[in-house]
Amino acid sequence: MAISIPFFGKIGSDIQSLAPNTRVNRASALGEPERIDGIVLYQVGKRAKVCWGPGKSRMEPVDKLVMIVE
């Protein structure tokens, strides 16, 4: 069973960094469905390139991602 841990940072804190190959979920947002079990490919600033399955990768805001801890 996997446990999701949200990233809670201080207001005005530095950019959170995600290591490559980190497993993440994305909470649903207005007009966007929840996504589960993604793999971080790389991060540029406040956005990370996440692979959501074969051929389905996209840039996601880091603050909307939740790391999966097993």
Protein backbone atom coordinates (compact mmCIF):
# COMPACT_ATOMS: atom_id res chain seq x y z
CA MET A 1 0.00 0.00 0.00
CA ALA A 2 1.36 3.40 -0.95
CA ILE A 3 1.00 6.52 1.20
CA SER A 4 0.73 9.97 -0.39
CA ILE A 5 2.52 12.83 1.37
CA PRO A 6 1.72 16.38 0.21
CA PHE A 7 4.46 18.98 -0.01
CA PHE A 8 3.73 21.67 2.59
CA GLY A 9 6.28 24.47 2.46
CA LYS A 10 6.70 27.80 4.15
CA ILE A 11 5.17 30.82 2.47
CA GLY A 12 7.87 32.31 0.27
CA SER A 13 10.06 29.25 0.63
CA ASP A 14 12.52 28.08 -2.00
CA ILE A 15 11.42 25.96 -4.94
CA GLN A 16 10.76 22.35 -3.94
CA SER A 17 12.84 19.85 -5.81
CA LEU A 18 11.84 16.39 -6.98
CA ALA A 19 14.46 13.81 -7.86
CA PRO A 20 14.18 12.04 -11.22
CA ASN A 21 12.21 8.76 -11.06
CA THR A 22 10.16 9.95 -8.05
CA ARG A 23 6.61 8.53 -8.11
CA VAL A 24 3.89 11.18 -7.82
CA ASN A 25 0.13 11.76 -7.98
CA ARG A 26 -1.63 14.98 -8.99
CA ALA A 27 -4.76 16.17 -7.23
CA SER A 28 -7.67 17.17 -9.43
CA ALA A 29 -8.02 20.83 -10.36
CA LEU A 30 -10.63 22.88 -12.16
CA GLY A 31 -11.15 21.25 -15.52
CA GLU A 32 -8.40 18.66 -14.98
CA PRO A 33 -8.90 15.12 -13.68
CA GLU A 34 -6.84 13.53 -10.92
CA ARG A 35 -3.79 11.67 -12.22
CA ILE A 36 -2.15 8.79 -10.39
CA ASP A 37 1.18 6.95 -10.45
CA GLY A 38 3.35 9.30 -12.50
CA ILE A 39 7.14 9.28 -12.76
CA VAL A 40 9.14 12.54 -12.62
CA LEU A 41 11.50 12.77 -15.59
CA TYR A 42 13.09 16.15 -14.73
CA GLN A 43 12.29 19.48 -13.09
CA VAL A 44 12.78 23.02 -14.39
CA GLY A 45 12.03 25.70 -11.80
CA LYS A 46 8.50 25.32 -10.46
CA ARG A 47 7.46 22.80 -13.13
CA ALA A 48 8.30 19.12 -13.55
CA LYS A 49 8.02 16.87 -16.61
CA VAL A 50 5.95 13.87 -15.47
CA CYS A 51 5.27 10.68 -17.41
CA TRP A 52 1.72 9.40 -16.74
CA GLY A 53 2.00 6.28 -18.88
CA PRO A 54 3.37 5.24 -22.26
CA GLY A 55 3.47 8.32 -24.48
CA LYS A 56 1.64 10.54 -21.96
CA SER A 57 4.08 13.01 -20.46
CA ARG A 58 3.45 16.66 -19.64
CA MET A 59 4.76 19.57 -17.61
CA GLU A 60 3.05 19.85 -14.21
CA PRO A 61 3.33 22.52 -11.48
CA VAL A 62 5.41 21.08 -8.62
CA ASP A 63 3.08 22.50 -5.97
CA LYS A 64 0.20 20.37 -7.36
CA LEU A 65 2.15 17.09 -7.15
CA VAL A 66 2.03 14.67 -4.22
CA MET A 67 4.95 12.30 -3.69
CA ILE A 68 4.10 8.59 -3.25
CA VAL A 69 5.96 6.97 -0.34
CA GLU A 70 5.88 3.18 0.03
